[in-house]
């Protein structure tokens, strides 16, 4: 339990930030899942559209430090490679 006013405030901020980051992480996973499902279904146009929607979300989450910048770049790169490998 927080003993000082500043520690109490820090605890409140942590709760608020955690909730925001969970929402952002959930949104990120949803967009990535949509791309992976489109690739799995074999629909190249849908996969391109899903990747175009997911890429800014990934980069924004990296900017907000929900995920690391290189992790987001790696994810985009791998999804793009999978999209290009589609017949």
PDB file of N, CA and C in Angstrom:
ATOM      1  N   UNK A   1       0.839  -1.180   0.000  1.00  0.00           N
ATOM      2  CA  UNK A   1       0.000   0.000   0.000  1.00  0.00           C
ATOM      3  C   UNK A   1       0.885   1.244   0.000  1.00  0.00           C
ATOM      4  N   UNK A   2       0.479   2.257  -0.761  1.00  0.00           N
ATOM      5  CA  UNK A   2       1.259   3.481  -0.863  1.00  0.00           C
ATOM      6  C   UNK A   2       1.202   4.270   0.438  1.00  0.00           C
ATOM      7  N   UNK A   3       2.354   4.784   0.866  1.00  0.00           N
ATOM      8  CA  UNK A   3       2.442   5.504   2.134  1.00  0.00           C
ATOM      9  C   UNK A   3       2.434   7.016   1.975  1.00  0.00           C
ATOM     10  N   UNK A   4       2.809   7.533   0.814  1.00  0.00           N
ATOM     11  CA  UNK A   4       2.874   8.976   0.612  1.00  0.00           C
ATOM     12  C   UNK A   4       1.899   9.402  -0.483  1.00  0.00           C
ATOM     13  N   UNK A   5       1.669  10.720  -0.564  1.00  0.00           N
ATOM     14  CA  UNK A   5       0.766  11.237  -1.590  1.00  0.00           C
ATOM     15  C   UNK A   5       1.298  10.932  -2.992  1.00  0.00           C
ATOM     16  N   UNK A   6       2.602  11.088  -3.168  1.00  0.00           N
ATOM     17  CA  UNK A   6       3.186  10.856  -4.489  1.00  0.00           C
ATOM     18  C   UNK A   6       3.092   9.377  -4.879  1.00  0.00           C
ATOM     19  N   UNK A   7       3.274   8.499  -3.909  1.00  0.00           N
ATOM     20  CA  UNK A   7       3.176   7.062  -4.184  1.00  0.00           C
ATOM     21  C   UNK A   7       1.734   6.673  -4.505  1.00  0.00           C
ATOM     22  N   UNK A   8       0.777   7.312  -3.848  1.00  0.00           N
ATOM     23  CA  UNK A   8      -0.639   7.058  -4.119  1.00  0.00           C
ATOM     24  C   UNK A   8      -0.977   7.492  -5.548  1.00  0.00           C
ATOM     25  N   UNK A   9      -0.470   8.675  -5.927  1.00  0.00           N
ATOM     26  CA  UNK A   9      -0.703   9.177  -7.283  1.00  0.00           C
ATOM     27  C   UNK A   9      -0.058   8.259  -8.310  1.00  0.00           C
ATOM     28  N   UNK A  10       1.167   7.819  -8.040  1.00  0.00           N
ATOM     29  CA  UNK A  10       1.865   6.911  -8.956  1.00  0.00           C
ATOM     30  C   UNK A  10       1.086   5.615  -9.126  1.00  0.00           C
ATOM     31  N   UNK A  11       0.487   5.124  -8.049  1.00  0.00           N
ATOM     32  CA  UNK A  11      -0.308   3.897  -8.117  1.00  0.00           C
ATOM     33  C   UNK A  11      -1.541   4.104  -9.001  1.00  0.00           C
ATOM     34  N   UNK A  12      -2.183   5.278  -8.857  1.00  0.00           N
ATOM     35  CA  UNK A  12      -3.343   5.593  -9.708  1.00  0.00           C
ATOM     36  C   UNK A  12      -2.932   5.675 -11.177  1.00  0.00           C
ATOM     37  N   UNK A  13      -1.798   6.314 -11.444  1.00  0.00           N
ATOM     38  CA  UNK A  13      -1.321   6.447 -12.824  1.00  0.00           C
ATOM     39  C   UNK A  13      -1.005   5.084 -13.425  1.00  0.00           C
ATOM     40  N   UNK A  14      -0.426   4.206 -12.624  1.00  0.00           N
ATOM     41  CA  UNK A  14      -0.083   2.874 -13.106  1.00  0.00           C
ATOM     42  C   UNK A  14      -1.331   2.110 -13.519  1.00  0.00           C
ATOM     43  N   UNK A  15      -2.385   2.214 -12.711  1.00  0.00           N
ATOM     44  CA  UNK A  15      -3.642   1.538 -13.037  1.00  0.00           C
ATOM     45  C   UNK A  15      -4.204   2.075 -14.346  1.00  0.00           C
ATOM     46  N   UNK A  16      -4.178   3.398 -14.508  1.00  0.00           N
ATOM     47  CA  UNK A  16      -4.713   4.024 -15.713  1.00  0.00           C
ATOM     48  C   UNK A  16      -3.898   3.629 -16.942  1.00  0.00           C
ATOM     49  N   UNK A  17      -2.572   3.687 -16.833  1.00  0.00           N
ATOM     50  CA  UNK A  17      -1.702   3.334 -17.958  1.00  0.00           C
ATOM     51  C   UNK A  17      -1.836   1.865 -18.334  1.00  0.00           C
ATOM     52  N   UNK A  18      -1.955   0.997 -17.326  1.00  0.00           N
ATOM     53  CA  UNK A  18      -2.094  -0.431 -17.585  1.00  0.00           C
ATOM     54  C   UNK A  18      -3.358  -0.711 -18.391  1.00  0.00           C
ATOM     55  N   UNK A  19      -4.450  -0.045 -18.027  1.00  0.00           N
ATOM     56  CA  UNK A  19      -5.712  -0.234 -18.748  1.00  0.00           C
ATOM     57  C   UNK A  19      -5.580   0.227 -20.197  1.00  0.00           C
ATOM     58  N   UNK A  20      -4.923   1.372 -20.407  1.00  0.00           N
ATOM     59  CA  UNK A  20      -4.740   1.898 -21.763  1.00  0.00           C
ATOM     60  C   UNK A  20      -3.867   0.957 -22.584  1.00  0.00           C
ATOM     61  N   UNK A  21      -2.773   0.489 -21.993  1.00  0.00           N
ATOM     62  CA  UNK A  21      -1.857  -0.400 -22.714  1.00  0.00           C
ATOM     63  C   UNK A  21      -2.501  -1.739 -23.039  1.00  0.00           C
ATOM     64  N   UNK A  22      -3.358  -2.239 -22.139  1.00  0.00           N
ATOM     65  CA  UNK A  22      -4.069  -3.495 -22.429  1.00  0.00           C
ATOM     66  C   UNK A  22      -4.983  -3.319 -23.627  1.00  0.00           C
ATOM     67  N   UNK A  23      -5.668  -2.180 -23.691  1.00  0.00           N
ATOM     68  CA  UNK A  23      -6.563  -1.912 -24.818  1.00  0.00           C
ATOM     69  C   UNK A  23      -5.774  -1.813 -26.118  1.00  0.00           C
ATOM     70  N   UNK A  24      -4.643  -1.130 -26.066  1.00  0.00           N
ATOM     71  CA  UNK A  24      -3.812  -0.997 -27.268  1.00  0.00           C
ATOM     72  C   UNK A  24      -3.253  -2.336 -27.709  1.00  0.00           C
ATOM     73  N   UNK A  25      -2.830  -3.162 -26.762  1.00  0.00           N
ATOM     74  CA  UNK A  25      -2.307  -4.489 -27.086  1.00  0.00           C
ATOM     75  C   UNK A  25      -3.388  -5.349 -27.719  1.00  0.00           C
ATOM     76  N   UNK A  26      -4.594  -5.266 -27.173  1.00  0.00           N
ATOM     77  CA  UNK A  26      -5.716  -6.031 -27.705  1.00  0.00           C
ATOM     78  C   UNK A  26      -6.019  -5.603 -29.141  1.00  0.00           C
ATOM     79  N   UNK A  27      -6.035  -4.292 -29.389  1.00  0.00           N
ATOM     80  CA  UNK A  27      -6.286  -3.769 -30.730  1.00  0.00           C
ATOM     81  C   UNK A  27      -5.211  -4.250 -31.699  1.00  0.00           C
ATOM     82  N   UNK A  28      -3.969  -4.216 -31.257  1.00  0.00           N
ATOM     83  CA  UNK A  28      -2.840  -4.655 -32.071  1.00  0.00           C
ATOM     84  C   UNK A  28      -3.000  -6.121 -32.474  1.00  0.00           C
ATOM     85  N   UNK A  29      -3.291  -6.960 -31.505  1.00  0.00           N
ATOM     86  CA  UNK A  29      -3.454  -8.393 -31.785  1.00  0.00           C
ATOM     87  C   UNK A  29      -4.604  -8.654 -32.736  1.00  0.00           C
ATOM     88  N   UNK A  30      -5.685  -7.891 -32.602  1.00  0.00           N
ATOM     89  CA  UNK A  30      -6.843  -8.059 -33.483  1.00  0.00           C
ATOM     90  C   UNK A  30      -6.463  -7.779 -34.929  1.00  0.00           C
ATOM     91  N   UNK A  31      -5.740  -6.670 -35.157  1.00  0.00           N
ATOM     92  CA  UNK A  31      -5.335  -6.314 -36.519  1.00  0.00           C
ATOM     93  C   UNK A  31      -4.378  -7.353 -37.104  1.00  0.00           C
ATOM     94  N   UNK A  32      -3.436  -7.827 -36.305  1.00  0.00           N
ATOM     95  CA  UNK A  32      -2.481  -8.837 -36.780  1.00  0.00           C
ATOM     96  C   UNK A  32      -3.216 -10.139 -37.092  1.00  0.00           C
ATOM     97  N   UNK A  33      -4.172 -10.494 -36.240  1.00  0.00           N
ATOM     98  CA  UNK A  33      -4.936 -11.721 -36.461  1.00  0.00           C
ATOM     99  C   UNK A  33      -5.733 -11.644 -37.758  1.00  0.00           C
ATOM    100  N   UNK A  34      -6.290 -10.468 -38.067  1.00  0.00           N
ATOM    101  CA  UNK A  34      -7.036 -10.297 -39.311  1.00  0.00           C
ATOM    102  C   UNK A  34      -6.144 -10.522 -40.531  1.00  0.00           C
ATOM    103  N   UNK A  35      -4.901 -10.045 -40.457  1.00  0.00           N
ATOM    104  CA  UNK A  35      -3.952 -10.258 -41.558  1.00  0.00           C
ATOM    105  C   UNK A  35      -3.645 -11.744 -41.693  1.00  0.00           C
ATOM    106  N   UNK A  36      -3.351 -12.398 -40.574  1.00  0.00           N
ATOM    107  CA  UNK A  36      -3.005 -13.825 -40.604  1.00  0.00           C
ATOM    108  C   UNK A  36      -4.161 -14.671 -41.112  1.00  0.00           C
ATOM    109  N   UNK A  37      -5.394 -14.314 -40.733  1.00  0.00           N
ATOM    110  CA  UNK A  37      -6.559 -15.057 -41.220  1.00  0.00           C
ATOM    111  C   UNK A  37      -6.741 -14.865 -42.725  1.00  0.00           C
ATOM    112  N   UNK A  38      -6.504 -13.652 -43.205  1.00  0.00           N
ATOM    113  CA  UNK A  38      -6.633 -13.381 -44.645  1.00  0.00           C
ATOM    114  C   UNK A  38      -5.572 -14.145 -45.430  1.00  0.00           C
ATOM    115  N   UNK A  39      -4.352 -14.223 -44.889  1.00  0.00           N
ATOM    116  CA  UNK A  39      -3.287 -14.989 -45.551  1.00  0.00           C
ATOM    117  C   UNK A  39      -3.640 -16.472 -45.558  1.00  0.00           C
ATOM    118  N   UNK A  40      -4.152 -16.962 -44.432  1.00  0.00           N
ATOM    119  CA  UNK A  40      -4.526 -18.380 -44.331  1.00  0.00           C
ATOM    120  C   UNK A  40      -5.664 -18.729 -45.284  1.00  0.00           C
ATOM    121  N   UNK A  41      -6.585 -17.786 -45.511  1.00  0.00           N
ATOM    122  CA  UNK A  41      -7.716 -18.061 -46.398  1.00  0.00           C
ATOM    123  C   UNK A  41      -7.294 -18.049 -47.869  1.00  0.00           C
ATOM    124  N   UNK A  42      -6.135 -17.438 -48.164  1.00  0.00           N
ATOM    125  CA  UNK A  42      -5.637 -17.422 -49.527  1.00  0.00           C
ATOM    126  C   UNK A  42      -6.121 -16.242 -50.344  1.00  0.00           C
ATOM    127  N   UNK A  43      -6.809 -15.299 -49.720  1.00  0.00           N
ATOM    128  CA  UNK A  43      -7.321 -14.120 -50.418  1.00  0.00           C
ATOM    129  C   UNK A  43      -6.274 -13.013 -50.369  1.00  0.00           C
ATOM    130  N   UNK A  44      -5.554 -12.830 -51.477  1.00  0.00           N
ATOM    131  CA  UNK A  44      -4.430 -11.891 -51.500  1.00  0.00           C
ATOM    132  C   UNK A  44      -4.883 -10.442 -51.359  1.00  0.00           C
ATOM    133  N   UNK A  45      -5.999 -10.082 -51.987  1.00  0.00           N
ATOM    134  CA  UNK A  45      -6.490  -8.707 -51.895  1.00  0.00           C
ATOM    135  C   UNK A  45      -6.926  -8.362 -50.477  1.00  0.00           C
ATOM    136  N   UNK A  46      -7.609  -9.283 -49.832  1.00  0.00           N
ATOM    137  CA  UNK A  46      -8.035  -9.054 -48.448  1.00  0.00           C
ATOM    138  C   UNK A  46      -6.827  -8.972 -47.523  1.00  0.00           C
ATOM    139  N   UNK A  47      -5.819  -9.792 -47.797  1.00  0.00           N
ATOM    140  CA  UNK A  47      -4.607  -9.781 -46.980  1.00  0.00           C
ATOM    141  C   UNK A  47      -3.861  -8.456 -47.135  1.00  0.00           C
ATOM    142  N   UNK A  48      -3.811  -7.939 -48.375  1.00  0.00           N
ATOM    143  CA  UNK A  48      -3.159  -6.640 -48.609  1.00  0.00           C
ATOM    144  C   UNK A  48      -3.878  -5.530 -47.853  1.00  0.00           C
ATOM    145  N   UNK A  49      -5.206  -5.547 -47.926  1.00  0.00           N
ATOM    146  CA  UNK A  49      -5.997  -4.516 -47.247  1.00  0.00           C
ATOM    147  C   UNK A  49      -5.828  -4.616 -45.727  1.00  0.00           C
ATOM    148  N   UNK A  50      -5.812  -5.851 -45.218  1.00  0.00           N
ATOM    149  CA  UNK A  50      -5.656  -6.048 -43.780  1.00  0.00           C
ATOM    150  C   UNK A  50      -4.273  -5.598 -43.314  1.00  0.00           C
ATOM    151  N   UNK A  51      -3.249  -5.878 -44.118  1.00  0.00           N
ATOM    152  CA  UNK A  51      -1.891  -5.447 -43.772  1.00  0.00           C
ATOM    153  C   UNK A  51      -1.775  -3.929 -43.817  1.00  0.00           C
ATOM    154  N   UNK A  52      -2.412  -3.307 -44.794  1.00  0.00           N
ATOM    155  CA  UNK A  52      -2.393  -1.846 -44.893  1.00  0.00           C
ATOM    156  C   UNK A  52      -3.060  -1.201 -43.683  1.00  0.00           C
ATOM    157  N   UNK A  53      -4.061  -1.878 -43.128  1.00  0.00           N
ATOM    158  CA  UNK A  53      -4.722  -1.366 -41.925  1.00  0.00           C
ATOM    159  C   UNK A  53      -3.909  -1.668 -40.668  1.00  0.00           C
ATOM    160  N   UNK A  54      -3.206  -2.798 -40.659  1.00  0.00           N
ATOM    161  CA  UNK A  54      -2.474  -3.226 -39.461  1.00  0.00           C
ATOM    162  C   UNK A  54      -1.157  -2.491 -39.278  1.00  0.00           C
ATOM    163  N   UNK A  55      -0.515  -2.116 -40.380  1.00  0.00           N
ATOM    164  CA  UNK A  55       0.812  -1.505 -40.288  1.00  0.00           C
ATOM    165  C   UNK A  55       0.822  -0.210 -39.473  1.00  0.00           C
ATOM    166  N   UNK A  56      -0.091   0.737 -39.705  1.00  0.00           N
ATOM    167  CA  UNK A  56      -0.067   1.946 -38.878  1.00  0.00           C
ATOM    168  C   UNK A  56      -0.362   1.666 -37.410  1.00  0.00           C
ATOM    169  N   UNK A  57      -1.212   0.683 -37.147  1.00  0.00           N
ATOM    170  CA  UNK A  57      -1.520   0.332 -35.758  1.00  0.00           C
ATOM    171  C   UNK A  57      -0.274  -0.226 -35.077  1.00  0.00           C
ATOM    172  N   UNK A  58       0.462  -1.076 -35.782  1.00  0.00           N
ATOM    173  CA  UNK A  58       1.706  -1.624 -35.236  1.00  0.00           C
ATOM    174  C   UNK A  58       2.719  -0.514 -34.946  1.00  0.00           C
ATOM    175  N   UNK A  59       2.894   0.385 -35.896  1.00  0.00           N
ATOM    176  CA  UNK A  59       3.878   1.453 -35.708  1.00  0.00           C
ATOM    177  C   UNK A  59       3.455   2.435 -34.619  1.00  0.00           C
ATOM    178  N   UNK A  60       2.161   2.697 -34.530  1.00  0.00           N
ATOM    179  CA  UNK A  60       1.669   3.587 -33.481  1.00  0.00           C
ATOM    180  C   UNK A  60       1.870   2.962 -32.106  1.00  0.00           C
ATOM    181  N   UNK A  61       1.638   1.654 -32.010  1.00  0.00           N
ATOM    182  CA  UNK A  61       1.834   0.980 -30.724  1.00  0.00           C
ATOM    183  C   UNK A  61       3.312   0.965 -30.345  1.00  0.00           C
ATOM    184  N   UNK A  62       4.193   0.931 -31.349  1.00  0.00           N
ATOM    185  CA  UNK A  62       5.628   1.024 -31.063  1.00  0.00           C
ATOM    186  C   UNK A  62       5.971   2.423 -30.585  1.00  0.00           C
ATOM    187  N   UNK A  63       5.364   3.419 -31.196  1.00  0.00           N
ATOM    188  CA  UNK A  63       5.605   4.807 -30.808  1.00  0.00           C
ATOM    189  C   UNK A  63       5.110   5.058 -29.378  1.00  0.00           C
ATOM    190  N   UNK A  64       4.013   4.414 -28.998  1.00  0.00           N
ATOM    191  CA  UNK A  64       3.458   4.566 -27.658  1.00  0.00           C
ATOM    192  C   UNK A  64       4.125   3.626 -26.655  1.00  0.00           C
ATOM    193  N   UNK A  65       5.114   2.869 -27.129  1.00  0.00           N
ATOM    194  CA  UNK A  65       5.914   1.950 -26.314  1.00  0.00           C
ATOM    195  C   UNK A  65       5.098   0.811 -25.719  1.00  0.00           C
ATOM    196  N   UNK A  66       4.068   0.383 -26.456  1.00  0.00           N
ATOM    197  CA  UNK A  66       3.329  -0.817 -26.070  1.00  0.00           C
ATOM    198  C   UNK A  66       4.151  -2.036 -26.459  1.00  0.00           C
ATOM    199  N   UNK A  67       4.748  -1.979 -27.643  1.00  0.00           N
ATOM    200  CA  UNK A  67       5.724  -2.980 -28.079  1.00  0.00           C
ATOM    201  C   UNK A  67       6.977  -2.226 -28.502  1.00  0.00           C
ATOM    202  N   UNK A  68       8.081  -2.924 -28.557  1.00  0.00           N
ATOM    203  CA  UNK A  68       9.328  -2.284 -28.959  1.00  0.00           C
ATOM    204  C   UNK A  68       9.301  -1.987 -30.457  1.00  0.00           C
ATOM    205  N   UNK A  69      10.049  -0.963 -30.836  1.00  0.00           N
ATOM    206  CA  UNK A  69      10.066  -0.508 -32.237  1.00  0.00           C
ATOM    207  C   UNK A  69      10.542  -1.607 -33.171  1.00  0.00           C
ATOM    208  N   UNK A  70      11.612  -2.288 -32.788  1.00  0.00           N
ATOM    209  CA  UNK A  70      12.146  -3.345 -33.663  1.00  0.00           C
ATOM    210  C   UNK A  70      11.209  -4.539 -33.737  1.00  0.00           C
ATOM    211  N   UNK A  71      10.486  -4.814 -32.656  1.00  0.00           N
ATOM    212  CA  UNK A  71       9.523  -5.914 -32.666  1.00  0.00           C
ATOM    213  C   UNK A  71       8.389  -5.612 -33.639  1.00  0.00           C
ATOM    214  N   UNK A  72       7.918  -4.369 -33.644  1.00  0.00           N
ATOM    215  CA  UNK A  72       6.852  -3.971 -34.562  1.00  0.00           C
ATOM    216  C   UNK A  72       7.339  -4.033 -36.006  1.00  0.00           C
ATOM    217  N   UNK A  73       8.552  -3.545 -36.250  1.00  0.00           N
ATOM    218  CA  UNK A  73       9.119  -3.583 -37.601  1.00  0.00           C
ATOM    219  C   UNK A  73       9.289  -5.019 -38.079  1.00  0.00           C
ATOM    220  N   UNK A  74       9.746  -5.872 -37.185  1.00  0.00           N
ATOM    221  CA  UNK A  74       9.938  -7.286 -37.520  1.00  0.00           C
ATOM    222  C   UNK A  74       8.604  -7.941 -37.865  1.00  0.00           C
ATOM    223  N   UNK A  75       7.552  -7.607 -37.114  1.00  0.00           N
ATOM    224  CA  UNK A  75       6.231  -8.174 -37.351  1.00  0.00           C
ATOM    225  C   UNK A  75       5.707  -7.749 -38.717  1.00  0.00           C
ATOM    226  N   UNK A  76       5.852  -6.457 -39.044  1.00  0.00           N
ATOM    227  CA  UNK A  76       5.410  -5.950 -40.342  1.00  0.00           C
ATOM    228  C   UNK A  76       6.187  -6.635 -41.453  1.00  0.00           C
ATOM    229  N   UNK A  77       7.500  -6.768 -41.264  1.00  0.00           N
ATOM    230  CA  UNK A  77       8.352  -7.379 -42.275  1.00  0.00           C
ATOM    231  C   UNK A  77       7.953  -8.830 -42.537  1.00  0.00           C
ATOM    232  N   UNK A  78       7.714  -9.563 -41.476  1.00  0.00           N
ATOM    233  CA  UNK A  78       7.357 -10.981 -41.636  1.00  0.00           C
ATOM    234  C   UNK A  78       5.986 -11.154 -42.264  1.00  0.00           C
ATOM    235  N   UNK A  79       5.040 -10.301 -41.895  1.00  0.00           N
ATOM    236  CA  UNK A  79       3.711 -10.372 -42.511  1.00  0.00           C
ATOM    237  C   UNK A  79       3.791 -10.011 -43.995  1.00  0.00           C
ATOM    238  N   UNK A  80       4.599  -9.012 -44.326  1.00  0.00           N
ATOM    239  CA  UNK A  80       4.779  -8.619 -45.723  1.00  0.00           C
ATOM    240  C   UNK A  80       5.410  -9.750 -46.531  1.00  0.00           C
ATOM    241  N   UNK A  81       6.402 -10.406 -45.933  1.00  0.00           N
ATOM    242  CA  UNK A  81       7.057 -11.527 -46.612  1.00  0.00           C
ATOM    243  C   UNK A  81       6.068 -12.663 -46.866  1.00  0.00           C
ATOM    244  N   UNK A  82       5.220 -12.939 -45.877  1.00  0.00           N
ATOM    245  CA  UNK A  82       4.201 -13.990 -46.052  1.00  0.00           C
ATOM    246  C   UNK A  82       3.211 -13.610 -47.122  1.00  0.00           C
ATOM    247  N   UNK A  83       2.867 -12.313 -47.213  1.00  0.00           N
ATOM    248  CA  UNK A  83       1.945 -11.843 -48.229  1.00  0.00           C
ATOM    249  C   UNK A  83       2.552 -11.990 -49.630  1.00  0.00           C
ATOM    250  N   UNK A  84       3.825 -11.638 -49.755  1.00  0.00           N
ATOM    251  CA  UNK A  84       4.501 -11.745 -51.052  1.00  0.00           C
ATOM    252  C   UNK A  84       4.659 -13.196 -51.495  1.00  0.00           C
ATOM    253  N   UNK A  85       4.770 -14.107 -50.527  1.00  0.00           N
ATOM    254  CA  UNK A  85       4.947 -15.531 -50.855  1.00  0.00           C
ATOM    255  C   UNK A  85       3.647 -16.197 -51.290  1.00  0.00           C
ATOM    256  N   UNK A  86       2.547 -15.473 -51.140  1.00  0.00           N
ATOM    257  CA  UNK A  86       1.252 -16.053 -51.539  1.00  0.00           C
ATOM    258  C   UNK A  86       1.203 -16.219 -53.056  1.00  0.00           C
ATOM    259  N   UNK A  87       0.547 -17.277 -53.527  1.00  0.00           N
ATOM    260  CA  UNK A  87       0.441 -17.490 -54.987  1.00  0.00           C
ATOM    261  C   UNK A  87      -0.492 -16.502 -55.654  1.00  0.00           C
TER     262      UNK A  87
END
